[in-house]
Protein backbone atom coordinates (compact mmCIF):
# COMPACT_ATOMS: atom_id res chain seq x y z
CA MET A 1 107.47 98.24 125.07
CA PRO A 2 106.48 95.63 122.52
CA ARG A 3 108.58 92.51 122.05
CA ILE A 4 107.98 89.95 119.31
CA THR A 5 109.67 86.58 119.57
CA GLU A 6 109.92 83.74 117.07
CA LYS A 7 111.87 80.91 118.68
CA ARG A 8 115.34 82.43 119.19
CA GLN A 9 114.79 85.55 117.05
CA ILE A 10 113.63 88.70 118.87
CA LEU A 11 112.46 92.16 117.88
CA ASP A 12 112.35 94.72 120.69
CA PHE A 13 110.49 97.98 120.04
CA ASP A 14 110.55 101.19 122.04
CA SER A 15 107.32 102.77 123.28
CA SER A 16 106.80 104.75 120.04
CA TRP A 17 105.79 101.50 118.29
CA THR A 18 102.71 99.29 118.35
CA ALA A 19 103.44 95.81 117.02
CA ILE A 20 101.69 92.46 116.59
CA LYS A 21 102.41 89.02 115.21
CA TRP A 22 100.46 89.40 111.99
CA ASP A 23 100.49 85.70 111.16
CA GLU A 24 98.71 85.00 114.48
CA SER A 25 96.25 87.92 114.45
CA GLY A 26 92.50 87.49 114.22
CA GLU A 27 92.45 89.65 111.10
CA PHE A 28 94.69 87.13 109.35
CA VAL A 29 94.06 83.70 110.90
CA GLY A 30 90.35 83.89 111.57
CA SER A 31 89.42 85.88 108.52
CA MET A 32 91.74 86.59 105.58
CA GLU A 33 93.50 83.21 105.62
CA ARG A 34 90.24 81.30 105.85
CA ALA A 35 88.60 83.36 103.08
CA LEU A 36 91.51 82.94 100.66
CA HIS A 37 92.74 79.44 101.48
CA GLN A 38 91.31 78.08 98.23
CA LEU A 39 93.81 80.03 96.11
CA ASN A 40 96.52 77.90 94.47
CA ASP A 41 99.14 78.96 97.01
CA GLY A 42 96.74 80.18 99.66
CA VAL A 43 97.61 83.51 101.20
CA LYS A 44 100.90 84.36 102.90
CA ALA A 45 101.60 86.41 106.00
CA ALA A 46 104.69 88.17 107.27
CA ASP A 47 105.47 87.46 110.91
CA VAL A 48 105.24 91.00 112.29
CA ILE A 49 103.63 94.30 111.45
CA ALA A 50 104.19 97.49 113.42
CA VAL A 51 103.38 101.19 113.32
CA ARG A 52 105.54 103.96 114.74
CA ASP A 53 103.85 107.20 115.63
CA VAL A 54 106.11 109.98 116.91
CA ARG A 55 104.70 113.48 117.11
CA TYR A 56 105.99 115.84 114.39
CA ARG A 57 107.69 113.01 112.50
CA PRO A 58 106.47 110.91 109.58
CA LYS A 59 104.73 107.70 110.55
CA THR A 60 106.67 104.51 109.95
CA LEU A 61 105.14 101.18 108.96
CA LEU A 62 107.12 97.98 109.40
CA LEU A 63 106.74 94.46 108.05
CA ALA A 64 109.14 91.89 109.45
CA GLU A 65 109.79 88.29 108.52
CA PHE A 66 111.82 85.79 110.56
CA LYS A 67 113.72 82.92 108.93
CA ASP A 68 116.27 80.81 110.77
CA TYR A 69 118.35 78.57 108.50
CA ASP A 70 121.18 78.45 111.05
CA HIS A 71 119.14 77.05 113.93
CA PRO A 72 121.32 74.86 116.15
CA ASN A 73 118.70 72.08 116.19
CA VAL A 74 118.78 71.42 112.41
CA PRO A 75 119.75 67.74 112.07
CA GLN A 76 123.18 67.20 110.52
CA GLN A 77 121.76 65.31 107.51
CA GLN A 78 119.57 68.36 106.68
CA GLN A 79 122.16 71.10 107.20
CA GLN A 80 123.42 71.28 103.61
CA GLN A 81 119.90 71.40 102.15
CA THR A 82 118.89 73.99 104.75
CA ALA A 83 121.95 76.13 103.93
CA LEU A 84 121.02 76.14 100.23
CA ALA A 85 117.43 77.09 101.05
CA ALA A 86 118.70 80.16 102.93
CA VAL A 87 119.60 81.91 99.68
CA SER A 88 117.26 80.24 97.20
CA SER A 89 115.07 81.87 94.59
CA ASN A 90 112.14 80.00 96.18
CA LEU A 91 112.74 81.84 99.44
CA MET A 92 112.97 85.14 97.60
CA GLN A 93 109.67 84.49 95.80
CA ASN A 94 108.05 83.47 99.07
CA ILE A 95 109.20 86.66 100.78
CA VAL A 96 107.99 88.90 97.95
CA ARG A 97 104.61 87.12 98.04
CA LYS A 98 104.39 87.52 101.83
CA ILE A 99 105.05 91.25 101.51
CA ILE A 100 102.35 91.71 98.86
CA ASP A 101 99.78 89.63 100.77
CA THR A 102 100.63 91.27 104.09
CA LEU A 103 100.35 94.82 102.73
CA SER A 104 96.92 93.99 101.37
CA GLY A 105 95.79 92.17 104.49
CA VAL A 106 97.02 94.67 107.05
CA THR A 107 95.36 97.46 105.09
CA PHE A 108 91.96 95.85 104.60
CA ALA A 109 91.43 92.67 106.64
CA HIS A 110 88.95 92.53 109.48
CA SER A 111 88.51 89.74 111.99
CA SER A 112 85.60 87.31 111.74
CA ASN A 113 83.74 89.78 114.03
CA ASP A 114 84.32 92.61 111.51
CA GLN A 115 86.76 94.26 113.91
CA ARG A 116 90.32 95.53 113.63
CA CYS A 117 92.67 95.38 116.60
CA ASP A 118 94.07 98.57 118.15
CA GLU A 119 97.51 97.87 116.68
CA LEU A 120 96.06 98.25 113.18
CA ALA A 121 94.12 101.46 113.90
CA SER A 122 96.72 103.85 112.50
CA TRP A 123 97.95 101.65 109.60
CA ARG A 124 95.40 102.68 106.97
CA PRO A 125 95.46 106.44 107.78
CA ALA A 126 99.27 106.36 107.58
CA LEU A 127 99.10 105.00 104.02
CA GLY A 128 97.31 108.16 102.92
CA GLN A 129 100.24 110.37 103.91
CA LYS A 130 103.01 111.01 101.38
CA SER A 131 105.59 111.23 104.15
CA THR A 132 104.91 107.76 105.61
CA LEU A 133 107.95 105.50 105.64
CA LEU A 134 107.89 101.74 105.11
CA ILE A 135 110.50 99.38 106.48
CA VAL A 136 110.64 95.78 105.28
CA LEU A 137 112.85 93.98 107.79
CA LEU A 138 114.01 90.49 106.90
CA CYS A 139 115.64 88.74 109.84
CA ILE A 140 117.33 85.84 108.08
CA GLU A 141 119.83 83.69 109.89
CA VAL A 142 122.14 81.90 107.47
CA PRO A 143 124.91 79.38 108.12
CA PRO A 144 128.46 80.80 107.91
CA SER A 145 128.92 78.88 104.63
CA GLN A 146 126.25 81.10 103.02
CA SER A 147 127.25 84.51 104.39
CA ILE A 148 128.98 85.66 101.16
CA VAL A 149 126.16 84.39 98.94
CA ALA A 150 123.66 86.14 101.21
CA LEU A 151 125.09 89.54 100.25
CA ALA A 152 124.30 89.07 96.55
CA TRP A 153 120.93 87.52 97.44
CA THR A 154 120.13 90.59 99.58
CA LYS A 155 120.90 93.00 96.74
CA GLU A 156 118.66 91.04 94.37
CA LEU A 157 115.82 91.02 96.90
CA GLN A 158 116.15 94.78 97.37
CA ARG A 159 116.04 95.20 93.59
CA ARG A 160 112.87 93.10 93.36
CA LEU A 161 111.20 95.23 96.02
CA ARG A 162 112.13 98.57 94.45
CA TRP A 163 108.49 98.95 93.35
CA LEU A 164 107.63 99.81 96.98
CA GLY A 165 108.87 103.32 96.21
CA PRO A 166 111.32 105.89 97.51
CA ASN A 167 109.93 105.91 101.08
CA ALA A 168 110.58 102.19 101.51
CA ARG A 169 113.70 100.59 102.94
CA VAL A 170 114.44 96.88 102.66
CA ILE A 171 116.79 95.74 105.42
CA VAL A 172 118.18 92.23 105.69
CA THR A 173 119.70 91.54 109.08
CA ASN A 174 121.11 88.62 111.07
CA GLN A 175 122.98 87.99 114.30
CA ASN A 176 126.31 88.82 112.63
CA ARG A 177 124.93 92.20 111.55
CA PRO A 178 122.10 92.85 114.02
CA PHE A 179 119.94 95.86 113.22
CA GLN A 180 119.43 98.59 115.77
CA GLY A 181 117.78 101.90 114.95
CA ASP A 182 114.49 103.62 114.27
CA GLY A 183 113.26 102.59 117.72
CA PHE A 184 113.70 98.84 117.41
CA THR A 185 116.39 96.20 117.77
CA TYR A 186 116.81 92.75 116.25
CA ARG A 187 118.76 90.07 118.07
CA VAL A 188 119.15 86.35 118.40
CA VAL A 189 119.40 84.61 121.74
CA SER A 190 121.74 81.65 121.97
CA ALA A 191 119.56 79.65 124.34
CA LEU A 192 116.13 78.85 122.98
CA THR A 193 113.34 80.39 125.02
């Protein structure tokens, strides 16, 4: 069963999923990123992409992004600035850009050897099916001081991503409301691994 870890944030998938760290894949790092680095803002990558293939059910595609603005190692003098960044319009713009760039890259990018890894094999065919579902999972840890603001921020982000269509779900989760369902679980470990 795949497990993707980013510091203390963890996504566990059941065996119906294939998943990779997109921002570390050869299709992104060794190819797409290098080819497009000269753009004003470069090219962005979500942390995780995954495909769920269960017989007799629609395929599910997942993009996941990890952000940890409540990390216990944030120095005290930076905590207030970090808390504000957790619900900023800059973060929202960055996330929307990562989703756009990742959808394009995962669909078309090849490694520098003109290959695509096994985890990406069913991505493109799934896009051609009307029944395919898309989950955008944003795992964003915010300080307790920002938990109320995060609700309004979440609704605005979901509104901005409405263009993804009726088969797309945008889920914002954190350790206070950990997501579990659709064959995967998000959690945060207290001790850094």
